[in-house]
């Protein structure tokens, strides 16, 4: 092999770099092969396109890649040790673009959460119906992790149902708990133990009902419409008859309070704290002013003493001379 590689040699070098997982060098080699008019021009283009997907999570990149690969039809390339058909990868890229578009959507309020959930469901259907039990190409060639279309669909369905739960939680906590139960089933399919525990806790909170200890109003959805506040409930109070069949005592050390009463107490407490803080700051400033006055008075006395000392020293020096 000479110092200057031919187009075929550059193309082959690119394939070697891919097997060595030196992807930036592989891209450069394929680009040189194209510039030197390689006979494998079309394949080199596909290889560069595949390399551009490494660690790239932009929906626009996957969408444009899907459009490019659709033009290649049934062309098959060998990427490292994997045979990849362009038509199959195009389907995966379209599903990935739908997924990323959904995940990038805002989720600041109920309407945005609902819109994002519906977009996640659409992406999930793409993975489930168009890829199914087949292994996703990009994760496998770059990380050797085998993820099926069904697995990805389950993840997106779980996330979508969690978003739907939050979109209705304020108005209908029990319905939110139903969405979370659906999400929990998908998380179980994924063996996501950490997520399972968190969802189960939310289901328990959102489906719980209680009566406010203070005003007696009934509410559903702990942390949403009522909270537990620490206090001390005597045995006599715990046995007293309530106007509601729902519990108003969590235990002898806490009670249930509706959000309205809780916020009224909290806001009043904040106002009192702010008032006390302003009084304390005023007192500190007054004390600082009094302290500064005393310091100034002491400094004046020191200055007088220094002046007398200087005068005495001057008189002594004059007598010595």
C-alpha atoms as a PDB file:
ATOM      1  CA  UNK A   1       0.000   0.000   0.000  1.00  0.00           C
ATOM      2  CA  UNK A   2       1.484   3.333  -1.021  1.00  0.00           C
ATOM      3  CA  UNK A   3       1.667   6.543   0.963  1.00  0.00           C
ATOM      4  CA  UNK A   4      -1.356   7.927  -0.898  1.00  0.00           C
ATOM      5  CA  UNK A   5      -4.299   5.577  -0.493  1.00  0.00           C
ATOM      6  CA  UNK A   6      -6.679   4.842  -3.318  1.00  0.00           C
ATOM      7  CA  UNK A   7     -10.436   5.316  -2.980  1.00  0.00           C
ATOM      8  CA  UNK A   8     -10.853   1.568  -2.370  1.00  0.00           C
ATOM      9  CA  UNK A   9      -8.153   1.607   0.299  1.00  0.00           C
ATOM     10  CA  UNK A  10      -9.739   4.575   2.051  1.00  0.00           C
ATOM     11  CA  UNK A  11     -13.104   2.787   2.004  1.00  0.00           C
ATOM     12  CA  UNK A  12     -11.584  -0.375   3.467  1.00  0.00           C
ATOM     13  CA  UNK A  13      -9.741   1.670   6.091  1.00  0.00           C
ATOM     14  CA  UNK A  14     -13.045   3.214   7.141  1.00  0.00           C
ATOM     15  CA  UNK A  15     -14.498  -0.252   7.696  1.00  0.00           C
ATOM     16  CA  UNK A  16     -11.476  -1.230   9.804  1.00  0.00           C
ATOM     17  CA  UNK A  17     -11.814   1.899  11.954  1.00  0.00           C
ATOM     18  CA  UNK A  18     -15.480   1.077  12.632  1.00  0.00           C
ATOM     19  CA  UNK A  19     -14.515  -2.380  13.912  1.00  0.00           C
ATOM     20  CA  UNK A  20     -11.926  -0.677  16.133  1.00  0.00           C
ATOM     21  CA  UNK A  21     -14.648   1.780  17.318  1.00  0.00           C
ATOM     22  CA  UNK A  22     -12.565   4.745  16.133  1.00  0.00           C
ATOM     23  CA  UNK A  23     -15.562   6.481  14.620  1.00  0.00           C
ATOM     24  CA  UNK A  24     -14.113   9.936  13.909  1.00  0.00           C
ATOM     25  CA  UNK A  25     -11.283   8.328  11.919  1.00  0.00           C
ATOM     26  CA  UNK A  26     -13.789   6.120  10.113  1.00  0.00           C
ATOM     27  CA  UNK A  27     -15.846   9.131   9.079  1.00  0.00           C
ATOM     28  CA  UNK A  28     -12.725  10.885   7.730  1.00  0.00           C
ATOM     29  CA  UNK A  29     -11.733   7.772   5.760  1.00  0.00           C
ATOM     30  CA  UNK A  30     -15.170   7.436   4.129  1.00  0.00           C
ATOM     31  CA  UNK A  31     -15.173  11.140   3.270  1.00  0.00           C
ATOM     32  CA  UNK A  32     -11.794  10.719   1.551  1.00  0.00           C
ATOM     33  CA  UNK A  33     -13.096   7.658  -0.289  1.00  0.00           C
ATOM     34  CA  UNK A  34     -16.014   9.711  -1.609  1.00  0.00           C
ATOM     35  CA  UNK A  35     -13.743  12.585  -2.641  1.00  0.00           C
ATOM     36  CA  UNK A  36     -11.628  10.074  -4.568  1.00  0.00           C
ATOM     37  CA  UNK A  37     -14.701   8.805  -6.469  1.00  0.00           C
ATOM     38  CA  UNK A  38     -15.003   5.410  -4.788  1.00  0.00           C
ATOM     39  CA  UNK A  39     -17.121   2.794  -6.550  1.00  0.00           C
ATOM     40  CA  UNK A  40     -18.788   2.264  -3.149  1.00  0.00           C
ATOM     41  CA  UNK A  41     -19.977   5.873  -3.138  1.00  0.00           C
ATOM     42  CA  UNK A  42     -23.557   5.072  -2.084  1.00  0.00           C
ATOM     43  CA  UNK A  43     -22.459   2.720   0.704  1.00  0.00           C
ATOM     44  CA  UNK A  44     -19.902   5.260   1.980  1.00  0.00           C
ATOM     45  CA  UNK A  45     -22.673   7.863   2.174  1.00  0.00           C
ATOM     46  CA  UNK A  46     -24.784   5.513   4.282  1.00  0.00           C
ATOM     47  CA  UNK A  47     -21.817   4.745   6.548  1.00  0.00           C
ATOM     48  CA  UNK A  48     -21.225   8.465   7.185  1.00  0.00           C
ATOM     49  CA  UNK A  49     -24.929   8.903   7.882  1.00  0.00           C
ATOM     50  CA  UNK A  50     -24.791   6.073  10.432  1.00  0.00           C
ATOM     51  CA  UNK A  51     -21.704   7.562  12.057  1.00  0.00           C
ATOM     52  CA  UNK A  52     -23.504  10.892  12.388  1.00  0.00           C
ATOM     53  CA  UNK A  53     -26.110   9.203  14.605  1.00  0.00           C
ATOM     54  CA  UNK A  54     -23.570   8.233  17.259  1.00  0.00           C
ATOM     55  CA  UNK A  55     -24.481  10.002  20.524  1.00  0.00           C
ATOM     56  CA  UNK A  56     -26.839  12.258  18.573  1.00  0.00           C
ATOM     57  CA  UNK A  57     -30.211  12.841  20.216  1.00  0.00           C
ATOM     58  CA  UNK A  58     -31.673  15.491  17.947  1.00  0.00           C
ATOM     59  CA  UNK A  59     -35.045  14.776  16.406  1.00  0.00           C
ATOM     60  CA  UNK A  60     -34.153  16.798  13.305  1.00  0.00           C
ATOM     61  CA  UNK A  61     -31.079  14.628  12.644  1.00  0.00           C
ATOM     62  CA  UNK A  62     -33.082  11.401  12.873  1.00  0.00           C
ATOM     63  CA  UNK A  63     -35.849  12.800  10.677  1.00  0.00           C
ATOM     64  CA  UNK A  64     -33.435  13.874   7.933  1.00  0.00           C
ATOM     65  CA  UNK A  65     -31.580  10.549   8.211  1.00  0.00           C
ATOM     66  CA  UNK A  66     -34.856   8.654   7.783  1.00  0.00           C
ATOM     67  CA  UNK A  67     -35.666  10.631   4.627  1.00  0.00           C
ATOM     68  CA  UNK A  68     -32.169   9.932   3.242  1.00  0.00           C
ATOM     69  CA  UNK A  69     -32.323   6.195   4.003  1.00  0.00           C
ATOM     70  CA  UNK A  70     -35.782   5.836   2.443  1.00  0.00           C
ATOM     71  CA  UNK A  71     -34.211   6.854  -0.872  1.00  0.00           C
ATOM     72  CA  UNK A  72     -31.752   3.930  -0.582  1.00  0.00           C
ATOM     73  CA  UNK A  73     -34.554   1.368  -0.493  1.00  0.00           C
ATOM     74  CA  UNK A  74     -33.362  -2.192   0.197  1.00  0.00           C
ATOM     75  CA  UNK A  75     -29.644  -1.345   0.041  1.00  0.00           C
ATOM     76  CA  UNK A  76     -27.773  -3.324   2.699  1.00  0.00           C
ATOM     77  CA  UNK A  77     -24.469  -2.259   4.302  1.00  0.00           C
ATOM     78  CA  UNK A  78     -22.104  -3.921   6.736  1.00  0.00           C
ATOM     79  CA  UNK A  79     -21.401  -1.672   9.708  1.00  0.00           C
ATOM     80  CA  UNK A  80     -18.667  -3.267  11.775  1.00  0.00           C
ATOM     81  CA  UNK A  81     -19.989  -6.794  12.257  1.00  0.00           C
ATOM     82  CA  UNK A  82     -23.656  -5.942  11.635  1.00  0.00           C
ATOM     83  CA  UNK A  83     -25.574  -6.187   8.371  1.00  0.00           C
ATOM     84  CA  UNK A  84     -28.010  -3.279   8.144  1.00  0.00           C
ATOM     85  CA  UNK A  85     -30.794  -2.798   5.629  1.00  0.00           C
ATOM     86  CA  UNK A  86     -31.458   0.888   4.896  1.00  0.00           C
ATOM     87  CA  UNK A  87     -35.245   0.435   4.813  1.00  0.00           C
ATOM     88  CA  UNK A  88     -35.233  -1.063   8.348  1.00  0.00           C
ATOM     89  CA  UNK A  89     -33.002   1.685   9.719  1.00  0.00           C
ATOM     90  CA  UNK A  90     -35.229   4.329   8.112  1.00  0.00           C
ATOM     91  CA  UNK A  91     -38.209   2.984  10.089  1.00  0.00           C
ATOM     92  CA  UNK A  92     -36.186   3.079  13.318  1.00  0.00           C
ATOM     93  CA  UNK A  93     -35.044   6.647  12.640  1.00  0.00           C
ATOM     94  CA  UNK A  94     -38.629   7.800  12.050  1.00  0.00           C
ATOM     95  CA  UNK A  95     -39.707   6.239  15.351  1.00  0.00           C
ATOM     96  CA  UNK A  96     -36.726   7.785  17.143  1.00  0.00           C
ATOM     97  CA  UNK A  97     -37.521  11.216  15.688  1.00  0.00           C
ATOM     98  CA  UNK A  98     -41.116  10.899  16.957  1.00  0.00           C
ATOM     99  CA  UNK A  99     -39.816   9.862  20.394  1.00  0.00           C
ATOM    100  CA  UNK A 100     -37.361  12.761  20.688  1.00  0.00           C
ATOM    101  CA  UNK A 101     -39.926  15.266  19.431  1.00  0.00           C
ATOM    102  CA  UNK A 102     -42.302  14.087  22.170  1.00  0.00           C
ATOM    103  CA  UNK A 103     -39.696  14.164  24.947  1.00  0.00           C
ATOM    104  CA  UNK A 104     -38.621  17.675  23.956  1.00  0.00           C
ATOM    105  CA  UNK A 105     -42.169  19.054  24.273  1.00  0.00           C
ATOM    106  CA  UNK A 106     -42.838  21.408  27.244  1.00  0.00           C
ATOM    107  CA  UNK A 107     -44.590  20.006  30.322  1.00  0.00           C
ATOM    108  CA  UNK A 108     -45.296  23.036  32.502  1.00  0.00           C
ATOM    109  CA  UNK A 109     -49.098  22.712  32.782  1.00  0.00           C
ATOM    110  CA  UNK A 110     -51.914  20.201  32.314  1.00  0.00           C
ATOM    111  CA  UNK A 111     -52.496  21.014  28.629  1.00  0.00           C
ATOM    112  CA  UNK A 112     -48.796  20.688  27.767  1.00  0.00           C
ATOM    113  CA  UNK A 113     -48.530  17.441  29.749  1.00  0.00           C
ATOM    114  CA  UNK A 114     -51.524  15.970  27.914  1.00  0.00           C
ATOM    115  CA  UNK A 115     -50.122  16.981  24.504  1.00  0.00           C
ATOM    116  CA  UNK A 116     -46.741  15.460  25.360  1.00  0.00           C
ATOM    117  CA  UNK A 117     -48.395  12.247  26.585  1.00  0.00           C
ATOM    118  CA  UNK A 118     -50.335  11.865  23.335  1.00  0.00           C
ATOM    119  CA  UNK A 119     -47.127  12.416  21.330  1.00  0.00           C
ATOM    120  CA  UNK A 120     -45.386   9.739  23.431  1.00  0.00           C
ATOM    121  CA  UNK A 121     -48.248   7.317  22.752  1.00  0.00           C
ATOM    122  CA  UNK A 122     -47.909   7.967  18.996  1.00  0.00           C
ATOM    123  CA  UNK A 123     -44.165   7.260  19.131  1.00  0.00           C
ATOM    124  CA  UNK A 124     -44.791   4.116  21.198  1.00  0.00           C
ATOM    125  CA  UNK A 125     -47.230   2.786  18.583  1.00  0.00           C
ATOM    126  CA  UNK A 126     -44.568   3.304  15.886  1.00  0.00           C
ATOM    127  CA  UNK A 127     -42.033   1.230  17.827  1.00  0.00           C
ATOM    128  CA  UNK A 128     -44.592  -1.465  18.661  1.00  0.00           C
ATOM    129  CA  UNK A 129     -46.240  -1.850  15.265  1.00  0.00           C
ATOM    130  CA  UNK A 130     -43.301  -1.187  12.919  1.00  0.00           C
ATOM    131  CA  UNK A 131     -40.370  -2.713  14.840  1.00  0.00           C
ATOM    132  CA  UNK A 132     -42.012  -5.016  17.385  1.00  0.00           C
ATOM    133  CA  UNK A 133     -39.759  -7.754  18.756  1.00  0.00           C
ATOM    134  CA  UNK A 134     -36.896  -6.816  16.417  1.00  0.00           C
ATOM    135  CA  UNK A 135     -33.787  -5.331  18.043  1.00  0.00           C
ATOM    136  CA  UNK A 136     -33.102  -1.625  17.556  1.00  0.00           C
ATOM    137  CA  UNK A 137     -30.100  -1.117  15.287  1.00  0.00           C
ATOM    138  CA  UNK A 138     -28.395   2.031  16.612  1.00  0.00           C
ATOM    139  CA  UNK A 139     -28.187   1.028  20.321  1.00  0.00           C
ATOM    140  CA  UNK A 140     -26.875  -2.407  19.344  1.00  0.00           C
ATOM    141  CA  UNK A 141     -24.105  -1.308  16.958  1.00  0.00           C
ATOM    142  CA  UNK A 142     -22.806   1.413  19.271  1.00  0.00           C
ATOM    143  CA  UNK A 143     -23.362  -0.026  22.753  1.00  0.00           C
ATOM    144  CA  UNK A 144     -24.057  -3.743  22.103  1.00  0.00           C
ATOM    145  CA  UNK A 145     -27.241  -3.267  24.171  1.00  0.00           C
ATOM    146  CA  UNK A 146     -30.185  -5.172  22.733  1.00  0.00           C
ATOM    147  CA  UNK A 147     -33.439  -3.176  22.978  1.00  0.00           C
ATOM    148  CA  UNK A 148     -36.534  -4.347  21.131  1.00  0.00           C
ATOM    149  CA  UNK A 149     -39.211  -2.130  19.668  1.00  0.00           C
ATOM    150  CA  UNK A 150     -41.662  -3.563  22.254  1.00  0.00           C
ATOM    151  CA  UNK A 151     -39.316  -2.623  25.101  1.00  0.00           C
ATOM    152  CA  UNK A 152     -39.005   0.946  23.833  1.00  0.00           C
ATOM    153  CA  UNK A 153     -42.785   1.156  23.331  1.00  0.00           C
ATOM    154  CA  UNK A 154     -43.376   0.043  26.934  1.00  0.00           C
ATOM    155  CA  UNK A 155     -41.030   2.764  28.207  1.00  0.00           C
ATOM    156  CA  UNK A 156     -42.817   5.451  26.181  1.00  0.00           C
ATOM    157  CA  UNK A 157     -46.268   4.199  27.223  1.00  0.00           C
ATOM    158  CA  UNK A 158     -45.190   4.289  30.875  1.00  0.00           C
ATOM    159  CA  UNK A 159     -43.841   7.832  30.553  1.00  0.00           C
ATOM    160  CA  UNK A 160     -46.943   8.957  28.630  1.00  0.00           C
ATOM    161  CA  UNK A 161     -49.311   7.589  31.274  1.00  0.00           C
ATOM    162  CA  UNK A 162     -47.287   9.299  34.002  1.00  0.00           C
ATOM    163  CA  UNK A 163     -47.679  12.585  32.113  1.00  0.00           C
ATOM    164  CA  UNK A 164     -51.419  11.976  31.681  1.00  0.00           C
ATOM    165  CA  UNK A 165     -51.691  11.333  35.432  1.00  0.00           C
ATOM    166  CA  UNK A 166     -50.088  14.676  36.252  1.00  0.00           C
ATOM    167  CA  UNK A 167     -52.262  16.461  33.668  1.00  0.00           C
ATOM    168  CA  UNK A 168     -55.475  15.468  35.508  1.00  0.00           C
ATOM    169  CA  UNK A 169     -54.166  15.213  39.090  1.00  0.00           C
ATOM    170  CA  UNK A 170     -55.485  18.604  40.228  1.00  0.00           C
ATOM    171  CA  UNK A 171     -59.015  18.061  38.907  1.00  0.00           C
ATOM    172  CA  UNK A 172     -59.389  14.297  39.332  1.00  0.00           C
ATOM    173  CA  UNK A 173     -56.796  12.597  41.591  1.00  0.00           C
ATOM    174  CA  UNK A 174     -58.513   9.194  41.379  1.00  0.00           C
ATOM    175  CA  UNK A 175     -58.341   9.269  37.589  1.00  0.00           C
ATOM    176  CA  UNK A 176     -54.679  10.243  37.924  1.00  0.00           C
ATOM    177  CA  UNK A 177     -54.182   7.140  40.086  1.00  0.00           C
ATOM    178  CA  UNK A 178     -55.732   5.020  37.299  1.00  0.00           C
ATOM    179  CA  UNK A 179     -53.240   6.402  34.755  1.00  0.00           C
ATOM    180  CA  UNK A 180     -50.436   5.697  37.221  1.00  0.00           C
ATOM    181  CA  UNK A 181     -51.656   2.124  37.617  1.00  0.00           C
ATOM    182  CA  UNK A 182     -51.362   1.685  33.836  1.00  0.00           C
ATOM    183  CA  UNK A 183     -47.869   3.219  33.960  1.00  0.00           C
ATOM    184  CA  UNK A 184     -46.981   0.819  36.797  1.00  0.00           C
ATOM    185  CA  UNK A 185     -47.894  -2.196  34.660  1.00  0.00           C
ATOM    186  CA  UNK A 186     -45.586  -0.972  31.881  1.00  0.00           C
ATOM    187  CA  UNK A 187     -42.770  -0.325  34.384  1.00  0.00           C
ATOM    188  CA  UNK A 188     -43.172  -3.896  35.644  1.00  0.00           C
ATOM    189  CA  UNK A 189     -42.741  -5.166  32.084  1.00  0.00           C
ATOM    190  CA  UNK A 190     -39.471  -3.205  31.989  1.00  0.00           C
ATOM    191  CA  UNK A 191     -38.369  -4.552  35.421  1.00  0.00           C
ATOM    192  CA  UNK A 192     -37.865  -0.936  36.518  1.00  0.00           C
ATOM    193  CA  UNK A 193     -37.952  -1.560  40.276  1.00  0.00           C
ATOM    194  CA  UNK A 194     -37.016   2.004  41.313  1.00  0.00           C
ATOM    195  CA  UNK A 195     -39.789   3.538  39.186  1.00  0.00           C
ATOM    196  CA  UNK A 196     -42.269   0.924  40.444  1.00  0.00           C
ATOM    197  CA  UNK A 197     -41.760   2.006  44.063  1.00  0.00           C
ATOM    198  CA  UNK A 198     -42.201   5.694  43.261  1.00  0.00           C
ATOM    199  CA  UNK A 199     -45.362   5.108  41.218  1.00  0.00           C
ATOM    200  CA  UNK A 200     -46.883   2.848  43.893  1.00  0.00           C
ATOM    201  CA  UNK A 201     -46.338   5.583  46.477  1.00  0.00           C
ATOM    202  CA  UNK A 202     -48.011   8.157  44.205  1.00  0.00           C
ATOM    203  CA  UNK A 203     -50.973   5.856  43.563  1.00  0.00           C
ATOM    204  CA  UNK A 204     -51.410   5.472  47.315  1.00  0.00           C
ATOM    205  CA  UNK A 205     -51.343   9.251  47.832  1.00  0.00           C
ATOM    206  CA  UNK A 206     -53.528  10.231  44.863  1.00  0.00           C
ATOM    207  CA  UNK A 207     -56.265   7.666  45.652  1.00  0.00           C
ATOM    208  CA  UNK A 208     -56.403   8.523  49.360  1.00  0.00           C
ATOM    209  CA  UNK A 209     -59.340  10.528  50.783  1.00  0.00           C
ATOM    210  CA  UNK A 210     -59.631  12.405  54.078  1.00  0.00           C
ATOM    211  CA  UNK A 211     -61.642  15.024  55.931  1.00  0.00           C
ATOM    212  CA  UNK A 212     -60.011  18.273  56.993  1.00  0.00           C
ATOM    213  CA  UNK A 213     -59.538  18.416  60.784  1.00  0.00           C
ATOM    214  CA  UNK A 214     -60.076  22.173  60.739  1.00  0.00           C
ATOM    215  CA  UNK A 215     -62.989  22.846  58.346  1.00  0.00           C
ATOM    216  CA  UNK A 216     -64.342  19.320  57.904  1.00  0.00           C
ATOM    217  CA  UNK A 217     -64.359  19.417  54.080  1.00  0.00           C
ATOM    218  CA  UNK A 218     -63.664  16.124  52.347  1.00  0.00           C
ATOM    219  CA  UNK A 219     -60.840  15.868  49.809  1.00  0.00           C
ATOM    220  CA  UNK A 220     -59.136  13.235  47.649  1.00  0.00           C
ATOM    221  CA  UNK A 221     -55.464  13.251  46.723  1.00  0.00           C
ATOM    222  CA  UNK A 222     -52.894  13.592  49.483  1.00  0.00           C
ATOM    223  CA  UNK A 223     -50.235  16.243  48.695  1.00  0.00           C
ATOM    224  CA  UNK A 224     -52.616  17.632  46.028  1.00  0.00           C
ATOM    225  CA  UNK A 225     -55.779  18.637  47.920  1.00  0.00           C
ATOM    226  CA  UNK A 226     -54.864  17.789  51.494  1.00  0.00           C
ATOM    227  CA  UNK A 227     -51.714  17.277  53.544  1.00  0.00           C
ATOM    228  CA  UNK A 228     -50.656  15.738  56.828  1.00  0.00           C
ATOM    229  CA  UNK A 229     -49.561  18.263  59.482  1.00  0.00           C
ATOM    230  CA  UNK A 230     -47.640  17.364  62.646  1.00  0.00           C
ATOM    231  CA  UNK A 231     -49.422  18.131  65.927  1.00  0.00           C
ATOM    232  CA  UNK A 232     -50.505  16.378  69.115  1.00  0.00           C
ATOM    233  CA  UNK A 233     -53.895  14.676  69.296  1.00  0.00           C
ATOM    234  CA  UNK A 234     -55.090  13.553  72.723  1.00  0.00           C
ATOM    235  CA  UNK A 235     -56.785  10.181  73.185  1.00  0.00           C
ATOM    236  CA  UNK A 236     -60.028  12.003  74.020  1.00  0.00           C
ATOM    237  CA  UNK A 237     -59.879  13.973  70.746  1.00  0.00           C
ATOM    238  CA  UNK A 238     -59.060  10.876  68.712  1.00  0.00           C
ATOM    239  CA  UNK A 239     -62.236   9.205  70.013  1.00  0.00           C
ATOM    240  CA  UNK A 240     -64.495  12.226  69.391  1.00  0.00           C
ATOM    241  CA  UNK A 241     -67.209  11.874  66.751  1.00  0.00           C
ATOM    242  CA  UNK A 242     -66.500  13.400  63.317  1.00  0.00           C
ATOM    243  CA  UNK A 243     -69.035  14.818  60.868  1.00  0.00           C
ATOM    244  CA  UNK A 244     -67.378  12.806  58.067  1.00  0.00           C
ATOM    245  CA  UNK A 245     -66.767   9.065  57.832  1.00  0.00           C
ATOM    246  CA  UNK A 246     -63.366   9.832  56.297  1.00  0.00           C
ATOM    247  CA  UNK A 247     -60.350  10.005  58.626  1.00  0.00           C
ATOM    248  CA  UNK A 248     -59.103  13.396  59.779  1.00  0.00           C
ATOM    249  CA  UNK A 249     -56.325  12.010  61.979  1.00  0.00           C
ATOM    250  CA  UNK A 250     -53.278  10.353  60.469  1.00  0.00           C
ATOM    251  CA  UNK A 251     -51.995   9.244  63.865  1.00  0.00           C
ATOM    252  CA  UNK A 252     -51.805  10.796  67.321  1.00  0.00           C
ATOM    253  CA  UNK A 253     -48.967  12.984  66.111  1.00  0.00           C
ATOM    254  CA  UNK A 254     -50.516  14.384  62.903  1.00  0.00           C
ATOM    255  CA  UNK A 255     -53.808  15.469  61.353  1.00  0.00           C
ATOM    256  CA  UNK A 256     -55.150  15.866  57.816  1.00  0.00           C
ATOM    257  CA  UNK A 257     -55.700  19.441  56.657  1.00  0.00           C
ATOM    258  CA  UNK A 258     -57.134  20.552  53.304  1.00  0.00           C
ATOM    259  CA  UNK A 259     -54.902  22.677  51.090  1.00  0.00           C
ATOM    260  CA  UNK A 260     -57.066  25.783  51.661  1.00  0.00           C
ATOM    261  CA  UNK A 261     -56.691  25.627  55.457  1.00  0.00           C
ATOM    262  CA  UNK A 262     -53.048  24.633  55.176  1.00  0.00           C
ATOM    263  CA  UNK A 263     -52.228  27.589  52.921  1.00  0.00           C
ATOM    264  CA  UNK A 264     -54.230  29.977  55.115  1.00  0.00           C
ATOM    265  CA  UNK A 265     -52.182  28.893  58.147  1.00  0.00           C
ATOM    266  CA  UNK A 266     -48.909  28.932  56.199  1.00  0.00           C
ATOM    267  CA  UNK A 267     -49.508  32.363  54.679  1.00  0.00           C
ATOM    268  CA  UNK A 268     -50.533  33.804  58.050  1.00  0.00           C
ATOM    269  CA  UNK A 269     -47.434  32.263  59.637  1.00  0.00           C
ATOM    270  CA  UNK A 270     -45.285  33.734  56.849  1.00  0.00           C
ATOM    271  CA  UNK A 271     -46.842  37.180  57.408  1.00  0.00           C
ATOM    272  CA  UNK A 272     -46.178  36.989  61.163  1.00  0.00           C
ATOM    273  CA  UNK A 273     -42.627  35.789  60.553  1.00  0.00           C
ATOM    274  CA  UNK A 274     -42.037  38.632  58.109  1.00  0.00           C
ATOM    275  CA  UNK A 275     -43.411  41.146  60.627  1.00  0.00           C
ATOM    276  CA  UNK A 276     -41.176  39.772  63.387  1.00  0.00           C
ATOM    277  CA  UNK A 277     -38.217  39.816  61.032  1.00  0.00           C
ATOM    278  CA  UNK A 278     -38.825  43.475  60.154  1.00  0.00           C
ATOM    279  CA  UNK A 279     -39.080  44.352  63.865  1.00  0.00           C
ATOM    280  CA  UNK A 280     -35.850  42.449  64.584  1.00  0.00           C
ATOM    281  CA  UNK A 281     -34.032  44.210  61.717  1.00  0.00           C
ATOM    282  CA  UNK A 282     -35.251  47.611  62.977  1.00  0.00           C
ATOM    283  CA  UNK A 283     -34.068  46.809  66.494  1.00  0.00           C
ATOM    284  CA  UNK A 284     -30.689  45.677  65.192  1.00  0.00           C
ATOM    285  CA  UNK A 285     -30.296  48.878  63.183  1.00  0.00           C
ATOM    286  CA  UNK A 286     -31.243  50.996  66.222  1.00  0.00           C
ATOM    287  CA  UNK A 287     -28.763  49.048  68.364  1.00  0.00           C
ATOM    288  CA  UNK A 288     -26.105  49.522  65.678  1.00  0.00           C
ATOM    289  CA  UNK A 289     -26.791  53.280  65.664  1.00  0.00           C
ATOM    290  CA  UNK A 290     -26.528  53.461  69.472  1.00  0.00           C
ATOM    291  CA  UNK A 291     -23.323  51.444  69.398  1.00  0.00           C
ATOM    292  CA  UNK A 292     -21.850  53.729  66.734  1.00  0.00           C
ATOM    293  CA  UNK A 293     -22.732  56.771  68.881  1.00  0.00           C
ATOM    294  CA  UNK A 294     -20.877  55.273  71.858  1.00  0.00           C
ATOM    295  CA  UNK A 295     -17.890  54.396  69.668  1.00  0.00           C
ATOM    296  CA  UNK A 296     -17.794  57.947  68.299  1.00  0.00           C
ATOM    297  CA  UNK A 297     -17.973  59.373  71.842  1.00  0.00           C
ATOM    298  CA  UNK A 298     -15.101  57.127  72.962  1.00  0.00           C
ATOM    299  CA  UNK A 299     -13.068  58.145  69.910  1.00  0.00           C
ATOM    300  CA  UNK A 300     -13.626  61.833  70.743  1.00  0.00           C
ATOM    301  CA  UNK A 301     -12.370  61.237  74.299  1.00  0.00           C
ATOM    302  CA  UNK A 302      -9.328  59.399  72.963  1.00  0.00           C
ATOM    303  CA  UNK A 303      -8.614  62.298  70.611  1.00  0.00           C
ATOM    304  CA  UNK A 304      -8.791  64.757  73.533  1.00  0.00           C
ATOM    305  CA  UNK A 305      -6.399  62.604  75.577  1.00  0.00           C
ATOM    306  CA  UNK A 306      -4.023  62.340  72.593  1.00  0.00           C
ATOM    307  CA  UNK A 307      -4.079  66.115  72.099  1.00  0.00           C
ATOM    308  CA  UNK A 308      -3.241  66.690  75.788  1.00  0.00           C
ATOM    309  CA  UNK A 309      -0.472  64.083  75.610  1.00  0.00           C
ATOM    310  CA  UNK A 310       0.996  65.713  72.513  1.00  0.00           C
ATOM    311  CA  UNK A 311       0.875  69.128  74.167  1.00  0.00           C
ATOM    312  CA  UNK A 312       2.621  67.789  77.293  1.00  0.00           C
ATOM    313  CA  UNK A 313       5.310  66.103  75.203  1.00  0.00           C
ATOM    314  CA  UNK A 314       5.902  69.337  73.295  1.00  0.00           C
ATOM    315  CA  UNK A 315       6.249  71.333  76.566  1.00  0.00           C
ATOM    316  CA  UNK A 316       8.731  68.741  77.977  1.00  0.00           C
ATOM    317  CA  UNK A 317      10.818  68.779  74.797  1.00  0.00           C
ATOM    318  CA  UNK A 318      10.924  72.578  74.836  1.00  0.00           C
ATOM    319  CA  UNK A 319      12.139  72.670  78.476  1.00  0.00           C
ATOM    320  CA  UNK A 320      14.866  70.075  77.773  1.00  0.00           C
ATOM    321  CA  UNK A 321      16.287  72.153  74.964  1.00  0.00           C
END
